Amino acid sequence: MKLAFEATAQGFRTFVSDVADGFFEMTHNGFALVGLAIVFAAIALVARPDLREQGEEQLMSWLQSRKPVPAVPEVLVSDLDPTAIERTTATSPLDLPKQQAAVAYWLSKKYRVAAEPLSALVAEAYDLGKRSKLDPTLILAIMAVESSFNPFAQSQVGAQGLMQVMTRVHGDKYESAGGTLTAFDPVTNMRVGVKVLQECIARAGSLEGGLRYYVGAANLEDDGGYAGKVMAEHGRLRQVADGRSPPTTTAPTPALRAQATPAPAPLAKPAEAAADKLALLGDL
């Protein structure tokens, strides 16, 4: 009995030893094969850069696909104001009458401004034109010459917004809208600018004279071509409103070219012109 037990134990030890030796041999050979595979893969990647680049792209794509998508912070979602559209100075040109839409598209192309905010300004200009008895294309022409439809424009002498109103001179005209900071609100600036223009025309007794007052050149021999520029743009906008298509880029008229070449500087730059504008507008 004892001999049988010893024989069984010896057989079991032999079996375990054989299994362990076999596992070691398999593992050793497996590592050797993995090592050889790595060596061959490295050689292939060195010899074929295109394979390496393709492998890197696939690896990055795999890593990106497994990257968790960060949740949108709730603070950003809660900050979205559903009433923002009510404060937006923009409208679809398709909602305008055909004449106004044509003017908006033409100005958008010429001045490289989006048609939607321009459509809102065009509609406001036509509404102001009815109430002030001024041609809406004249109002738009002044904005074009004064600021190129930049509602945040500011001159060296402090004229601000679309119609370049002297805010510190006409601050009282902004009080009903909430204060002088509304000079940078496009619609408010237009309304105040039209009010100033009306006063200038009434004081001068003519449109051209009113434009000279508006730019601060009423007491100067030359307005630097300002009135001519406004009237020329006014004429082009009238053509657009009438269904014609003037070019969006035009050569300067001989009079304006003569102003540009011999050298009188623009009126907004000389100190005397700035002082004159302040004095004239301060009287309005």
Protein backbone atom coordinates (compact mmCIF):
# COMPACT_ATOMS: atom_id res chain seq x y z
CA MET A 1 0.00 0.00 0.00
CA LYS A 2 2.77 2.38 0.95
CA LEU A 3 4.66 1.63 -2.26
CA ALA A 4 1.55 2.34 -4.32
CA PHE A 5 1.08 5.72 -2.59
CA GLU A 6 4.71 6.67 -3.16
CA ALA A 7 4.45 5.70 -6.79
CA THR A 8 1.32 7.81 -7.22
CA ALA A 9 2.98 10.79 -5.55
CA GLN A 10 6.06 10.41 -7.69
CA GLY A 11 3.90 10.25 -10.80
CA PHE A 12 2.01 13.41 -9.78
CA ARG A 13 5.26 15.28 -9.15
CA THR A 14 6.54 14.17 -12.51
CA PHE A 15 3.30 15.35 -14.19
CA VAL A 16 3.43 18.78 -12.51
CA SER A 17 7.09 19.16 -13.44
CA ASP A 18 6.38 18.24 -17.04
CA VAL A 19 3.47 20.71 -17.20
CA ALA A 20 5.62 23.47 -15.68
CA ASP A 21 8.44 22.75 -18.10
CA GLY A 22 6.01 22.75 -21.01
CA PHE A 23 4.44 26.05 -19.89
CA PHE A 24 7.88 27.62 -19.54
CA GLU A 25 8.89 26.44 -22.97
CA MET A 26 5.66 27.76 -24.50
CA THR A 27 6.00 31.10 -22.70
CA HIS A 28 9.64 31.40 -23.65
CA ASN A 29 8.90 30.61 -27.27
CA GLY A 30 5.87 32.96 -27.22
CA PHE A 31 7.97 35.88 -25.95
CA ALA A 32 10.56 35.06 -28.55
CA LEU A 33 7.91 35.16 -31.25
CA VAL A 34 6.53 38.48 -29.90
CA GLY A 35 10.02 39.90 -29.85
CA LEU A 36 10.64 38.80 -33.42
CA ALA A 37 7.28 40.28 -34.47
CA ILE A 38 8.19 43.60 -32.85
CA VAL A 39 11.57 43.63 -34.58
CA PHE A 40 10.03 42.88 -37.97
CA ALA A 41 7.33 45.52 -37.40
CA ALA A 42 9.94 48.14 -36.49
CA ILE A 43 11.96 47.30 -39.60
CA ALA A 44 8.83 47.55 -41.73
CA LEU A 45 7.89 50.93 -40.25
CA VAL A 46 11.39 52.30 -40.84
CA ALA A 47 11.40 51.04 -44.40
CA ARG A 48 7.82 52.24 -45.10
CA PRO A 49 7.14 55.71 -43.61
CA ASP A 50 3.71 55.69 -45.22
CA LEU A 51 2.74 52.66 -43.13
CA ARG A 52 3.97 54.44 -39.99
CA GLU A 53 1.94 57.56 -40.75
CA GLN A 54 -1.16 55.49 -41.53
CA GLY A 55 -0.73 53.59 -38.28
CA GLU A 56 -0.31 56.81 -36.29
CA GLU A 57 -3.50 58.25 -37.85
CA GLN A 58 -5.47 55.11 -37.03
CA LEU A 59 -4.13 55.11 -33.47
CA MET A 60 -5.02 58.78 -32.96
CA SER A 61 -8.47 58.18 -34.43
CA TRP A 62 -9.01 55.29 -32.05
CA LEU A 63 -7.85 57.32 -29.07
CA GLN A 64 -10.07 60.26 -30.07
CA SER A 65 -13.09 57.96 -30.43
CA ARG A 66 -12.53 56.65 -26.92
CA LYS A 67 -12.04 60.12 -25.42
CA PRO A 68 -15.09 61.04 -23.33
CA VAL A 69 -17.07 64.03 -24.61
CA PRO A 70 -17.04 66.75 -21.94
CA ALA A 71 -20.43 67.89 -20.80
CA VAL A 72 -21.42 71.45 -21.68
CA PRO A 73 -21.19 73.52 -18.50
CA GLU A 74 -24.64 74.46 -17.32
CA VAL A 75 -23.55 78.06 -16.85
CA LEU A 76 -23.16 78.42 -20.63
CA VAL A 77 -26.59 76.98 -21.27
CA SER A 78 -28.25 79.10 -18.63
CA ASP A 79 -26.59 82.25 -20.00
CA LEU A 80 -28.40 81.86 -23.32
CA ASP A 81 -31.12 84.48 -23.31
CA PRO A 82 -34.26 83.53 -25.25
CA THR A 83 -35.09 87.24 -25.55
CA ALA A 84 -31.80 88.09 -27.30
CA ILE A 85 -33.57 88.24 -30.65
CA GLU A 86 -35.50 91.25 -29.35
CA ARG A 87 -32.23 93.16 -28.89
CA THR A 88 -30.73 92.15 -32.21
CA THR A 89 -30.52 94.87 -34.84
CA ALA A 90 -31.12 92.58 -37.79
CA THR A 91 -33.92 91.37 -40.01
CA SER A 92 -34.24 89.23 -43.09
CA PRO A 93 -34.09 91.13 -46.40
CA LEU A 94 -36.88 88.85 -47.58
CA ASP A 95 -39.19 90.54 -45.08
CA LEU A 96 -38.63 93.99 -46.61
CA PRO A 97 -40.53 95.60 -49.49
CA LYS A 98 -38.80 94.99 -52.81
CA GLN A 99 -37.40 98.53 -53.02
CA GLN A 100 -35.89 98.43 -49.54
CA ALA A 101 -34.50 94.92 -50.06
CA ALA A 102 -32.73 96.07 -53.23
CA VAL A 103 -31.12 98.95 -51.31
CA ALA A 104 -30.04 96.62 -48.49
CA TYR A 105 -28.45 94.09 -50.85
CA TRP A 106 -26.64 96.82 -52.80
CA LEU A 107 -25.22 98.41 -49.64
CA SER A 108 -24.27 94.99 -48.29
CA LYS A 109 -22.23 94.24 -51.40
CA LYS A 110 -20.56 97.64 -51.58
CA TYR A 111 -19.65 98.03 -47.91
CA ARG A 112 -19.12 94.34 -47.12
CA VAL A 113 -21.63 94.35 -44.29
CA ALA A 114 -24.11 91.54 -43.67
CA ALA A 115 -27.46 92.11 -45.36
CA GLU A 116 -29.46 91.27 -42.22
CA PRO A 117 -28.30 94.17 -40.00
CA LEU A 118 -28.35 96.46 -43.03
CA SER A 119 -31.95 95.46 -43.67
CA ALA A 120 -32.88 96.66 -40.18
CA LEU A 121 -31.09 99.97 -40.80
CA VAL A 122 -32.74 100.41 -44.20
CA ALA A 123 -36.17 99.78 -42.72
CA GLU A 124 -35.46 102.28 -39.93
CA ALA A 125 -34.21 104.86 -42.47
CA TYR A 126 -37.44 104.58 -44.45
CA ASP A 127 -39.48 104.94 -41.27
CA LEU A 128 -37.44 107.98 -40.17
CA GLY A 129 -37.75 109.43 -43.66
CA LYS A 130 -41.54 109.42 -43.43
CA ARG A 131 -41.52 111.09 -40.03
CA SER A 132 -38.83 113.66 -40.77
CA LYS A 133 -39.79 114.42 -44.39
CA LEU A 134 -36.25 113.46 -45.45
CA ASP A 135 -35.38 111.07 -48.26
CA PRO A 136 -34.39 107.74 -46.61
CA THR A 137 -31.64 107.24 -49.17
CA LEU A 138 -30.12 110.54 -47.99
CA ILE A 139 -30.02 109.22 -44.41
CA LEU A 140 -28.37 106.02 -45.64
CA ALA A 141 -25.91 108.01 -47.78
CA ILE A 142 -24.79 110.02 -44.74
CA MET A 143 -24.21 106.81 -42.78
CA ALA A 144 -22.24 105.38 -45.69
CA VAL A 145 -19.95 108.42 -45.93
CA GLU A 146 -19.66 108.99 -42.19
CA SER A 147 -19.01 105.47 -40.88
CA SER A 148 -19.32 102.92 -43.71
CA PHE A 149 -22.05 101.38 -41.52
CA ASN A 150 -19.76 100.74 -38.56
CA PRO A 151 -21.95 101.39 -35.47
CA PHE A 152 -18.85 101.63 -33.25
CA ALA A 153 -16.94 104.17 -35.31
CA GLN A 154 -15.41 107.18 -33.56
CA SER A 155 -13.63 110.14 -35.13
CA GLN A 156 -10.65 112.07 -33.79
CA VAL A 157 -12.92 114.83 -32.51
CA GLY A 158 -15.34 112.49 -30.74
CA ALA A 159 -18.08 111.96 -33.31
CA GLN A 160 -19.57 108.53 -32.65
CA GLY A 161 -21.68 105.81 -34.19
CA LEU A 162 -23.32 105.29 -37.55
CA MET A 163 -24.05 108.96 -38.25
CA GLN A 164 -21.00 110.27 -36.34
CA VAL A 165 -22.95 112.46 -33.96
CA MET A 166 -20.93 114.61 -31.56
CA THR A 167 -22.09 112.82 -28.43
CA ARG A 168 -20.69 115.31 -25.92
CA VAL A 169 -22.45 118.14 -27.77
CA HIS A 170 -25.79 116.36 -28.26
CA GLY A 171 -25.82 114.29 -25.08
CA ASP A 172 -29.23 115.67 -24.14
CA LYS A 173 -30.75 114.06 -27.23
CA TYR A 174 -29.79 110.64 -25.85
CA GLU A 175 -31.35 111.13 -22.42
CA SER A 176 -34.75 109.66 -23.33
CA ALA A 177 -32.99 106.53 -24.65
CA GLY A 178 -31.01 105.98 -21.45
CA GLY A 179 -27.87 108.11 -21.80
CA THR A 180 -24.92 108.78 -24.07
CA LEU A 181 -23.83 105.12 -24.20
CA THR A 182 -26.79 104.54 -26.52
CA ALA A 183 -24.82 106.46 -29.15
CA PHE A 184 -23.47 103.03 -30.09
CA ASP A 185 -26.94 101.56 -30.49
CA PRO A 186 -27.47 101.73 -34.27
CA VAL A 187 -31.15 102.70 -34.23
CA THR A 188 -30.75 105.28 -31.47
CA ASN A 189 -27.77 106.85 -33.22
CA MET A 190 -29.78 107.07 -36.44
CA ARG A 191 -32.67 108.82 -34.72
CA VAL A 192 -30.42 111.35 -33.02
CA GLY A 193 -28.41 111.86 -36.21
CA VAL A 194 -31.56 112.57 -38.21
CA LYS A 195 -32.67 115.08 -35.55
CA VAL A 196 -29.32 116.88 -35.81
CA LEU A 197 -29.51 116.81 -39.62
CA GLN A 198 -33.01 118.34 -39.54
CA GLU A 199 -31.74 121.18 -37.35
CA CYS A 200 -28.75 121.74 -39.63
CA ILE A 201 -30.93 121.92 -42.76
CA ALA A 202 -33.39 124.26 -41.05
CA ARG A 203 -30.57 126.55 -39.98
CA ALA A 204 -28.89 126.58 -43.39
CA GLY A 205 -32.09 126.77 -45.43
CA SER A 206 -30.95 124.15 -47.96
CA LEU A 207 -29.85 120.53 -48.09
CA GLU A 208 -26.30 121.27 -49.26
CA GLY A 209 -25.94 123.99 -46.67
CA GLY A 210 -27.30 121.67 -44.00
CA LEU A 211 -24.68 119.08 -44.90
CA ARG A 212 -21.96 121.72 -44.49
CA TYR A 213 -23.34 122.48 -41.03
CA TYR A 214 -23.53 118.76 -40.26
CA VAL A 215 -19.84 118.24 -41.01
CA GLY A 216 -18.84 121.45 -39.22
CA ALA A 217 -17.75 123.37 -42.32
CA ALA A 218 -20.43 126.07 -42.51
CA ASN A 219 -17.93 128.85 -41.80
CA LEU A 220 -15.15 127.38 -43.94
CA GLU A 221 -14.52 128.05 -47.61
CA ASP A 222 -14.36 124.34 -48.40
CA ASP A 223 -16.03 121.30 -46.86
CA GLY A 224 -13.42 118.91 -48.25
CA GLY A 225 -15.89 117.45 -50.71
CA TYR A 226 -18.17 116.12 -47.95
CA ALA A 227 -21.47 117.38 -49.36
CA GLY A 228 -20.46 116.15 -52.83
CA LYS A 229 -19.70 112.67 -51.53
CA VAL A 230 -23.00 112.46 -49.68
CA MET A 231 -25.01 113.71 -52.65
CA ALA A 232 -23.20 111.34 -55.03
CA GLU A 233 -23.96 108.34 -52.80
CA HIS A 234 -27.50 109.64 -52.35
CA GLY A 235 -27.90 109.66 -56.14
CA ARG A 236 -26.64 106.09 -56.47
CA LEU A 237 -29.01 104.88 -53.77
CA ARG A 238 -31.91 106.62 -55.50
CA GLN A 239 -31.04 104.70 -58.66
CA VAL A 240 -31.05 101.42 -56.71
CA ALA A 241 -34.39 102.30 -55.13
CA ASP A 242 -35.77 103.07 -58.61
CA GLY A 243 -34.78 99.64 -59.85
CA ARG A 244 -31.49 100.50 -61.55
CA SER A 245 -28.11 99.04 -60.66
CA PRO A 246 -25.24 101.52 -60.39
CA PRO A 247 -21.79 99.97 -59.86
CA THR A 248 -20.80 99.29 -56.27
CA THR A 249 -17.38 100.82 -56.92
CA THR A 250 -17.12 104.21 -58.53
CA ALA A 251 -14.22 106.46 -59.56
CA PRO A 252 -13.99 109.77 -57.71
CA THR A 253 -15.55 112.73 -59.45
CA PRO A 254 -13.14 115.34 -60.86
CA ALA A 255 -13.99 117.72 -58.02
CA LEU A 256 -13.24 115.10 -55.36
CA ARG A 257 -10.07 114.03 -57.15
CA ALA A 258 -8.92 117.64 -57.22
CA GLN A 259 -9.48 117.79 -53.49
CA ALA A 260 -7.43 114.63 -52.99
CA THR A 261 -4.36 115.51 -55.04
CA PRO A 262 -3.18 119.05 -54.20
CA ALA A 263 -3.48 118.31 -50.53
CA PRO A 264 -6.15 119.87 -48.37
CA ALA A 265 -6.48 117.32 -45.52
CA PRO A 266 -9.88 115.97 -44.44
CA LEU A 267 -11.86 118.36 -42.30
CA ALA A 268 -11.95 116.11 -39.28
CA LYS A 269 -8.18 116.36 -38.85
CA PRO A 270 -7.27 120.10 -38.60
CA ALA A 271 -7.78 121.61 -35.16
CA GLU A 272 -9.59 124.63 -36.54
CA ALA A 273 -12.15 122.43 -38.34
CA ALA A 274 -12.73 120.39 -35.20
CA ALA A 275 -13.24 123.52 -33.12
CA ASP A 276 -15.55 124.95 -35.77
CA LYS A 277 -17.65 121.77 -35.78
CA LEU A 278 -17.94 121.79 -32.02
CA ALA A 279 -18.98 125.43 -32.00
CA LEU A 280 -21.54 125.02 -34.79
CA LEU A 281 -23.09 121.84 -33.39
CA GLY A 282 -23.08 123.28 -29.88
CA ASP A 283 -25.45 125.99 -31.08
CA LEU A 284 -28.00 123.45 -32.40
